[in-house]
PDB file of N, CA and C in Angstrom:
ATOM      1  N   MET A   1      11.974   2.883  -7.899  1.00  0.00           N
ATOM      2  CA  MET A   1      12.704   4.077  -8.267  1.00  0.00           C
ATOM      3  C   MET A   1      11.846   5.043  -9.077  1.00  0.00           C
ATOM      4  N   SER A   2      10.644   4.635  -9.449  1.00  0.00           N
ATOM      5  CA  SER A   2       9.813   5.502 -10.287  1.00  0.00           C
ATOM      6  C   SER A   2       8.753   6.279  -9.500  1.00  0.00           C
ATOM      7  N   HIS A   3       8.760   6.145  -8.187  1.00  0.00           N
ATOM      8  CA  HIS A   3       7.777   6.856  -7.365  1.00  0.00           C
ATOM      9  C   HIS A   3       8.486   7.830  -6.423  1.00  0.00           C
ATOM     10  N   ALA A   4       7.714   8.572  -5.687  1.00  0.00           N
ATOM     11  CA  ALA A   4       8.232   9.648  -4.844  1.00  0.00           C
ATOM     12  C   ALA A   4       9.148   9.165  -3.709  1.00  0.00           C
ATOM     13  N   CYS A   5       9.157   7.896  -3.413  1.00  0.00           N
ATOM     14  CA  CYS A   5       9.968   7.361  -2.304  1.00  0.00           C
ATOM     15  C   CYS A   5      11.431   7.817  -2.384  1.00  0.00           C
ATOM     16  N   VAL A   6      11.975   7.837  -3.596  1.00  0.00           N
ATOM     17  CA  VAL A   6      13.387   8.178  -3.779  1.00  0.00           C
ATOM     18  C   VAL A   6      13.689   9.639  -3.458  1.00  0.00           C
ATOM     19  N   MET A   7      12.643  10.459  -3.356  1.00  0.00           N
ATOM     20  CA  MET A   7      12.840  11.868  -3.023  1.00  0.00           C
ATOM     21  C   MET A   7      13.220  12.052  -1.549  1.00  0.00           C
ATOM     22  N   CYS A   8      12.901  11.058  -0.708  1.00  0.00           N
ATOM     23  CA  CYS A   8      13.129  11.198   0.732  1.00  0.00           C
ATOM     24  C   CYS A   8      13.987  10.098   1.348  1.00  0.00           C
ATOM     25  N   HIS A   9      13.991   8.914   0.752  1.00  0.00           N
ATOM     26  CA  HIS A   9      14.630   7.762   1.387  1.00  0.00           C
ATOM     27  C   HIS A   9      15.907   7.317   0.686  1.00  0.00           C
ATOM     28  N   THR A  10      16.779   6.693   1.467  1.00  0.00           N
ATOM     29  CA  THR A  10      17.995   6.055   0.976  1.00  0.00           C
ATOM     30  C   THR A  10      17.804   4.551   0.986  1.00  0.00           C
ATOM     31  N   ILE A  11      18.271   3.901  -0.046  1.00  0.00           N
ATOM     32  CA  ILE A  11      18.431   2.449  -0.059  1.00  0.00           C
ATOM     33  C   ILE A  11      19.805   2.229  -0.665  1.00  0.00           C
ATOM     34  N   ARG A  12      20.761   1.865   0.178  1.00  0.00           N
ATOM     35  CA  ARG A  12      22.128   1.706  -0.293  1.00  0.00           C
ATOM     36  C   ARG A  12      22.206   0.709  -1.440  1.00  0.00           C
ATOM     37  N   GLY A  13      23.018   1.027  -2.419  1.00  0.00           N
ATOM     38  CA  GLY A  13      23.180   0.183  -3.585  1.00  0.00           C
ATOM     39  C   GLY A  13      22.198   0.510  -4.700  1.00  0.00           C
ATOM     40  N   THR A  14      21.362   1.541  -4.490  1.00  0.00           N
ATOM     41  CA  THR A  14      20.409   1.974  -5.516  1.00  0.00           C
ATOM     42  C   THR A  14      20.588   3.471  -5.753  1.00  0.00           C
ATOM     43  N   ASP A  15      19.787   4.011  -6.649  1.00  0.00           N
ATOM     44  CA  ASP A  15      19.811   5.451  -6.897  1.00  0.00           C
ATOM     45  C   ASP A  15      19.059   6.236  -5.822  1.00  0.00           C
ATOM     46  N   ALA A  16      18.361   5.558  -4.930  1.00  0.00           N
ATOM     47  CA  ALA A  16      17.643   6.239  -3.847  1.00  0.00           C
ATOM     48  C   ALA A  16      18.678   6.677  -2.820  1.00  0.00           C
ATOM     49  N   GLY A  17      18.959   7.975  -2.784  1.00  0.00           N
ATOM     50  CA  GLY A  17      20.040   8.449  -1.930  1.00  0.00           C
ATOM     51  C   GLY A  17      19.701   9.685  -1.131  1.00  0.00           C
ATOM     52  N   SER A  18      18.426   9.978  -0.941  1.00  0.00           N
ATOM     53  CA  SER A  18      18.050  11.161  -0.174  1.00  0.00           C
ATOM     54  C   SER A  18      18.255  10.922   1.319  1.00  0.00           C
ATOM     55  N   ARG A  19      18.472  11.963   2.046  1.00  0.00           N
ATOM     56  CA  ARG A  19      18.694  11.853   3.490  1.00  0.00           C
ATOM     57  C   ARG A  19      17.559  12.492   4.288  1.00  0.00           C
ATOM     58  N   MET A  20      16.473  12.842   3.627  1.00  0.00           N
ATOM     59  CA  MET A  20      15.362  13.500   4.311  1.00  0.00           C
ATOM     60  C   MET A  20      14.599  12.533   5.222  1.00  0.00           C
ATOM     61  N   GLY A  21      14.311  11.342   4.722  1.00  0.00           N
ATOM     62  CA  GLY A  21      13.590  10.337   5.501  1.00  0.00           C
ATOM     63  C   GLY A  21      14.525   9.241   5.957  1.00  0.00           C
ATOM     64  N   PRO A  22      13.981   8.270   6.673  1.00  0.00           N
ATOM     65  CA  PRO A  22      14.810   7.159   7.166  1.00  0.00           C
ATOM     66  C   PRO A  22      15.449   6.341   6.043  1.00  0.00           C
ATOM     67  N   ASP A  23      16.609   5.797   6.336  1.00  0.00           N
ATOM     68  CA  ASP A  23      17.309   4.870   5.446  1.00  0.00           C
ATOM     69  C   ASP A  23      16.533   3.551   5.474  1.00  0.00           C
ATOM     70  N   LEU A  24      16.116   3.078   4.322  1.00  0.00           N
ATOM     71  CA  LEU A  24      15.311   1.855   4.236  1.00  0.00           C
ATOM     72  C   LEU A  24      16.131   0.630   3.834  1.00  0.00           C
ATOM     73  N   THR A  25      17.448   0.762   3.843  1.00  0.00           N
ATOM     74  CA  THR A  25      18.310  -0.312   3.370  1.00  0.00           C
ATOM     75  C   THR A  25      18.007  -1.653   4.039  1.00  0.00           C
ATOM     76  N   HIS A  26      17.741  -1.665   5.317  1.00  0.00           N
ATOM     77  CA  HIS A  26      17.489  -2.919   6.046  1.00  0.00           C
ATOM     78  C   HIS A  26      16.118  -2.923   6.700  1.00  0.00           C
ATOM     79  N   ILE A  27      15.133  -2.341   6.048  1.00  0.00           N
ATOM     80  CA  ILE A  27      13.812  -2.218   6.664  1.00  0.00           C
ATOM     81  C   ILE A  27      13.196  -3.572   7.024  1.00  0.00           C
ATOM     82  N   ALA A  28      13.462  -4.603   6.266  1.00  0.00           N
ATOM     83  CA  ALA A  28      12.860  -5.906   6.537  1.00  0.00           C
ATOM     84  C   ALA A  28      13.364  -6.520   7.845  1.00  0.00           C
ATOM     85  N   SER A  29      14.508  -6.082   8.323  1.00  0.00           N
ATOM     86  CA  SER A  29      15.042  -6.636   9.569  1.00  0.00           C
ATOM     87  C   SER A  29      14.517  -5.902  10.807  1.00  0.00           C
ATOM     88  N   ARG A  30      13.768  -4.826  10.605  1.00  0.00           N
ATOM     89  CA  ARG A  30      13.217  -4.078  11.738  1.00  0.00           C
ATOM     90  C   ARG A  30      11.935  -4.728  12.245  1.00  0.00           C
ATOM     91  N   HIS A  31      11.743  -4.665  13.540  1.00  0.00           N
ATOM     92  CA  HIS A  31      10.510  -5.200  14.130  1.00  0.00           C
ATOM     93  C   HIS A  31       9.375  -4.190  14.069  1.00  0.00           C
ATOM     94  N   MET A  32       9.725  -2.915  14.051  1.00  0.00           N
ATOM     95  CA  MET A  32       8.733  -1.841  14.045  1.00  0.00           C
ATOM     96  C   MET A  32       9.058  -0.854  12.928  1.00  0.00           C
ATOM     97  N   ILE A  33       8.030  -0.131  12.475  1.00  0.00           N
ATOM     98  CA  ILE A  33       8.204   0.923  11.469  1.00  0.00           C
ATOM     99  C   ILE A  33       7.509   2.185  11.960  1.00  0.00           C
ATOM    100  N   ALA A  34       7.622   3.240  11.196  1.00  0.00           N
ATOM    101  CA  ALA A  34       6.943   4.511  11.495  1.00  0.00           C
ATOM    102  C   ALA A  34       7.352   5.031  12.870  1.00  0.00           C
ATOM    103  N   ALA A  35       8.666   5.113  13.079  1.00  0.00           N
ATOM    104  CA  ALA A  35       9.222   5.591  14.354  1.00  0.00           C
ATOM    105  C   ALA A  35       8.666   4.785  15.525  1.00  0.00           C
ATOM    106  N   GLU A  36       8.698   3.458  15.370  1.00  0.00           N
ATOM    107  CA  GLU A  36       8.271   2.524  16.420  1.00  0.00           C
ATOM    108  C   GLU A  36       6.768   2.597  16.714  1.00  0.00           C
ATOM    109  N   THR A  37       5.971   3.041  15.734  1.00  0.00           N
ATOM    110  CA  THR A  37       4.531   3.167  15.916  1.00  0.00           C
ATOM    111  C   THR A  37       3.775   1.914  15.493  1.00  0.00           C
ATOM    112  N   LEU A  38       4.296   1.212  14.487  1.00  0.00           N
ATOM    113  CA  LEU A  38       3.599   0.063  13.911  1.00  0.00           C
ATOM    114  C   LEU A  38       4.506  -1.154  13.830  1.00  0.00           C
ATOM    115  N   PRO A  39       3.911  -2.355  13.941  1.00  0.00           N
ATOM    116  CA  PRO A  39       4.712  -3.559  13.710  1.00  0.00           C
ATOM    117  C   PRO A  39       5.074  -3.628  12.236  1.00  0.00           C
ATOM    118  N   ASN A  40       6.199  -4.207  11.942  1.00  0.00           N
ATOM    119  CA  ASN A  40       6.651  -4.314  10.553  1.00  0.00           C
ATOM    120  C   ASN A  40       5.993  -5.531   9.900  1.00  0.00           C
ATOM    121  N   THR A  41       4.708  -5.366   9.584  1.00  0.00           N
ATOM    122  CA  THR A  41       3.946  -6.406   8.893  1.00  0.00           C
ATOM    123  C   THR A  41       3.538  -5.872   7.522  1.00  0.00           C
ATOM    124  N   ARG A  42       3.139  -6.757   6.661  1.00  0.00           N
ATOM    125  CA  ARG A  42       2.715  -6.369   5.312  1.00  0.00           C
ATOM    126  C   ARG A  42       1.573  -5.351   5.377  1.00  0.00           C
ATOM    127  N   GLY A  43       0.557  -5.631   6.185  1.00  0.00           N
ATOM    128  CA  GLY A  43      -0.594  -4.738   6.283  1.00  0.00           C
ATOM    129  C   GLY A  43      -0.253  -3.384   6.866  1.00  0.00           C
ATOM    130  N   ALA A  44       0.534  -3.373   7.928  1.00  0.00           N
ATOM    131  CA  ALA A  44       0.919  -2.102   8.554  1.00  0.00           C
ATOM    132  C   ALA A  44       1.784  -1.278   7.606  1.00  0.00           C
ATOM    133  N   LEU A  45       2.681  -1.937   6.906  1.00  0.00           N
ATOM    134  CA  LEU A  45       3.540  -1.246   5.948  1.00  0.00           C
ATOM    135  C   LEU A  45       2.700  -0.648   4.818  1.00  0.00           C
ATOM    136  N   ALA A  46       1.732  -1.401   4.316  1.00  0.00           N
ATOM    137  CA  ALA A  46       0.856  -0.889   3.253  1.00  0.00           C
ATOM    138  C   ALA A  46       0.065   0.319   3.737  1.00  0.00           C
ATOM    139  N   GLY A  47      -0.515   0.219   4.920  1.00  0.00           N
ATOM    140  CA  GLY A  47      -1.273   1.342   5.468  1.00  0.00           C
ATOM    141  C   GLY A  47      -0.414   2.571   5.672  1.00  0.00           C
ATOM    142  N   TRP A  48       0.797   2.367   6.160  1.00  0.00           N
ATOM    143  CA  TRP A  48       1.722   3.476   6.401  1.00  0.00           C
ATOM    144  C   TRP A  48       2.106   4.156   5.085  1.00  0.00           C
ATOM    145  N   ILE A  49       2.378   3.385   4.062  1.00  0.00           N
ATOM    146  CA  ILE A  49       2.771   3.948   2.770  1.00  0.00           C
ATOM    147  C   ILE A  49       1.614   4.739   2.150  1.00  0.00           C
ATOM    148  N   VAL A  50       0.440   4.175   2.153  1.00  0.00           N
ATOM    149  CA  VAL A  50      -0.714   4.787   1.498  1.00  0.00           C
ATOM    150  C   VAL A  50      -1.218   6.022   2.250  1.00  0.00           C
ATOM    151  N   ASP A  51      -1.294   5.944   3.585  1.00  0.00           N
ATOM    152  CA  ASP A  51      -1.875   7.047   4.355  1.00  0.00           C
ATOM    153  C   ASP A  51      -1.202   7.184   5.723  1.00  0.00           C
ATOM    154  N   PRO A  52       0.021   7.701   5.763  1.00  0.00           N
ATOM    155  CA  PRO A  52       0.741   7.808   7.033  1.00  0.00           C
ATOM    156  C   PRO A  52       0.063   8.742   8.043  1.00  0.00           C
ATOM    157  N   GLN A  53      -0.686   9.711   7.568  1.00  0.00           N
ATOM    158  CA  GLN A  53      -1.312  10.667   8.483  1.00  0.00           C
ATOM    159  C   GLN A  53      -2.403  10.027   9.332  1.00  0.00           C
ATOM    160  N   SER A  54      -3.030   8.955   8.846  1.00  0.00           N
ATOM    161  CA  SER A  54      -4.066   8.297   9.649  1.00  0.00           C
ATOM    162  C   SER A  54      -3.452   7.567  10.839  1.00  0.00           C
ATOM    163  N   THR A  55      -2.205   7.167  10.733  1.00  0.00           N
ATOM    164  CA  THR A  55      -1.509   6.487  11.820  1.00  0.00           C
ATOM    165  C   THR A  55      -0.790   7.472  12.723  1.00  0.00           C
ATOM    166  N   LYS A  56      -0.165   8.449  12.119  1.00  0.00           N
ATOM    167  CA  LYS A  56       0.676   9.384  12.865  1.00  0.00           C
ATOM    168  C   LYS A  56       0.460  10.799  12.325  1.00  0.00           C
ATOM    169  N   PRO A  57      -0.624  11.456  12.771  1.00  0.00           N
ATOM    170  CA  PRO A  57      -0.891  12.816  12.284  1.00  0.00           C
ATOM    171  C   PRO A  57       0.308  13.733  12.508  1.00  0.00           C
ATOM    172  N   GLY A  58       0.603  14.535  11.502  1.00  0.00           N
ATOM    173  CA  GLY A  58       1.734  15.441  11.579  1.00  0.00           C
ATOM    174  C   GLY A  58       3.032  14.842  11.078  1.00  0.00           C
ATOM    175  N   SER A  59       3.006  13.567  10.706  1.00  0.00           N
ATOM    176  CA  SER A  59       4.204  12.918  10.161  1.00  0.00           C
ATOM    177  C   SER A  59       4.670  13.670   8.926  1.00  0.00           C
ATOM    178  N   GLN A  60       5.966  13.691   8.699  1.00  0.00           N
ATOM    179  CA  GLN A  60       6.500  14.344   7.511  1.00  0.00           C
ATOM    180  C   GLN A  60       6.356  13.475   6.266  1.00  0.00           C
ATOM    181  N   MET A  61       5.976  12.220   6.446  1.00  0.00           N
ATOM    182  CA  MET A  61       5.808  11.343   5.284  1.00  0.00           C
ATOM    183  C   MET A  61       4.508  11.690   4.568  1.00  0.00           C
ATOM    184  N   ALA A  62       4.615  11.856   3.270  1.00  0.00           N
ATOM    185  CA  ALA A  62       3.456  12.156   2.436  1.00  0.00           C
ATOM    186  C   ALA A  62       2.692  10.880   2.089  1.00  0.00           C
ATOM    187  N   ALA A  63       1.408  11.031   1.823  1.00  0.00           N
ATOM    188  CA  ALA A  63       0.594   9.904   1.364  1.00  0.00           C
ATOM    189  C   ALA A  63       1.078   9.462  -0.014  1.00  0.00           C
ATOM    190  N   ASN A  64       0.979   8.176  -0.261  1.00  0.00           N
ATOM    191  CA  ASN A  64       1.401   7.599  -1.541  1.00  0.00           C
ATOM    192  C   ASN A  64       0.289   6.694  -2.062  1.00  0.00           C
ATOM    193  N   PRO A  65      -0.730   7.270  -2.687  1.00  0.00           N
ATOM    194  CA  PRO A  65      -1.854   6.470  -3.183  1.00  0.00           C
ATOM    195  C   PRO A  65      -1.471   5.673  -4.429  1.00  0.00           C
ATOM    196  N   LEU A  66      -0.798   4.580  -4.225  1.00  0.00           N
ATOM    197  CA  LEU A  66      -0.305   3.759  -5.336  1.00  0.00           C
ATOM    198  C   LEU A  66      -1.384   2.798  -5.824  1.00  0.00           C
ATOM    199  N   PRO A  67      -1.371   2.478  -7.110  1.00  0.00           N
ATOM    200  CA  PRO A  67      -2.252   1.418  -7.603  1.00  0.00           C
ATOM    201  C   PRO A  67      -1.912   0.110  -6.882  1.00  0.00           C
ATOM    202  N   PRO A  68      -2.895  -0.768  -6.679  1.00  0.00           N
ATOM    203  CA  PRO A  68      -2.652  -2.009  -5.922  1.00  0.00           C
ATOM    204  C   PRO A  68      -1.447  -2.821  -6.389  1.00  0.00           C
ATOM    205  N   ASP A  69      -1.267  -2.971  -7.687  1.00  0.00           N
ATOM    206  CA  ASP A  69      -0.121  -3.760  -8.184  1.00  0.00           C
ATOM    207  C   ASP A  69       1.205  -3.108  -7.816  1.00  0.00           C
ATOM    208  N   ASP A  70       1.283  -1.782  -7.913  1.00  0.00           N
ATOM    209  CA  ASP A  70       2.505  -1.071  -7.540  1.00  0.00           C
ATOM    210  C   ASP A  70       2.754  -1.171  -6.040  1.00  0.00           C
ATOM    211  N   LEU A  71       1.700  -1.033  -5.246  1.00  0.00           N
ATOM    212  CA  LEU A  71       1.840  -1.135  -3.794  1.00  0.00           C
ATOM    213  C   LEU A  71       2.327  -2.525  -3.399  1.00  0.00           C
ATOM    214  N   ASN A  72       1.735  -3.559  -3.982  1.00  0.00           N
ATOM    215  CA  ASN A  72       2.169  -4.930  -3.674  1.00  0.00           C
ATOM    216  C   ASN A  72       3.615  -5.167  -4.077  1.00  0.00           C
ATOM    217  N   ALA A  73       4.022  -4.638  -5.222  1.00  0.00           N
ATOM    218  CA  ALA A  73       5.409  -4.791  -5.667  1.00  0.00           C
ATOM    219  C   ALA A  73       6.358  -4.042  -4.737  1.00  0.00           C
ATOM    220  N   LEU A  74       5.974  -2.844  -4.313  1.00  0.00           N
ATOM    221  CA  LEU A  74       6.807  -2.067  -3.396  1.00  0.00           C
ATOM    222  C   LEU A  74       6.960  -2.784  -2.057  1.00  0.00           C
ATOM    223  N   ILE A  75       5.873  -3.295  -1.520  1.00  0.00           N
ATOM    224  CA  ILE A  75       5.936  -3.996  -0.234  1.00  0.00           C
ATOM    225  C   ILE A  75       6.802  -5.249  -0.359  1.00  0.00           C
ATOM    226  N   ALA A  76       6.633  -5.998  -1.427  1.00  0.00           N
ATOM    227  CA  ALA A  76       7.476  -7.187  -1.636  1.00  0.00           C
ATOM    228  C   ALA A  76       8.956  -6.798  -1.688  1.00  0.00           C
ATOM    229  N   TYR A  77       9.252  -5.712  -2.383  1.00  0.00           N
ATOM    230  CA  TYR A  77      10.633  -5.238  -2.465  1.00  0.00           C
ATOM    231  C   TYR A  77      11.155  -4.841  -1.093  1.00  0.00           C
ATOM    232  N   LEU A  78      10.387  -4.026  -0.371  1.00  0.00           N
ATOM    233  CA  LEU A  78      10.839  -3.579   0.959  1.00  0.00           C
ATOM    234  C   LEU A  78      11.023  -4.765   1.908  1.00  0.00           C
ATOM    235  N   GLN A  79      10.152  -5.750   1.813  1.00  0.00           N
ATOM    236  CA  GLN A  79      10.281  -6.920   2.681  1.00  0.00           C
ATOM    237  C   GLN A  79      11.471  -7.788   2.310  1.00  0.00           C
ATOM    238  N   SER A  80      12.076  -7.526   1.174  1.00  0.00           N
ATOM    239  CA  SER A  80      13.274  -8.281   0.781  1.00  0.00           C
ATOM    240  C   SER A  80      14.557  -7.598   1.285  1.00  0.00           C
ATOM    241  N   LEU A  81      14.435  -6.402   1.798  1.00  0.00           N
ATOM    242  CA  LEU A  81      15.612  -5.620   2.215  1.00  0.00           C
ATOM    243  C   LEU A  81      16.020  -5.942   3.649  1.00  0.00           C
ATOM    244  N   GLU A  82      16.740  -7.014   3.816  1.00  0.00           N
ATOM    245  CA  GLU A  82      17.190  -7.410   5.146  1.00  0.00           C
ATOM    246  C   GLU A  82      18.591  -6.934   5.363  1.00  0.00           C
TER     247      GLU A  82
END
């Protein structure tokens, strides 16, 4: 909740309630991410969060250069959202 993610994404049951980007409430149950561009794996999710333009140029998702500990915590959290 302390990073830019909440500006665009919804996660039901939290303060993240924006409708600009995809709803991430059940992201861990998806097989693919980034509009079906990448498999929903730890590495692909990390790459997508840090530098979405390298995977999908023109994407509306902004880069999120998070410190490694924050990135690992975010990925662990997202992978818990089934």
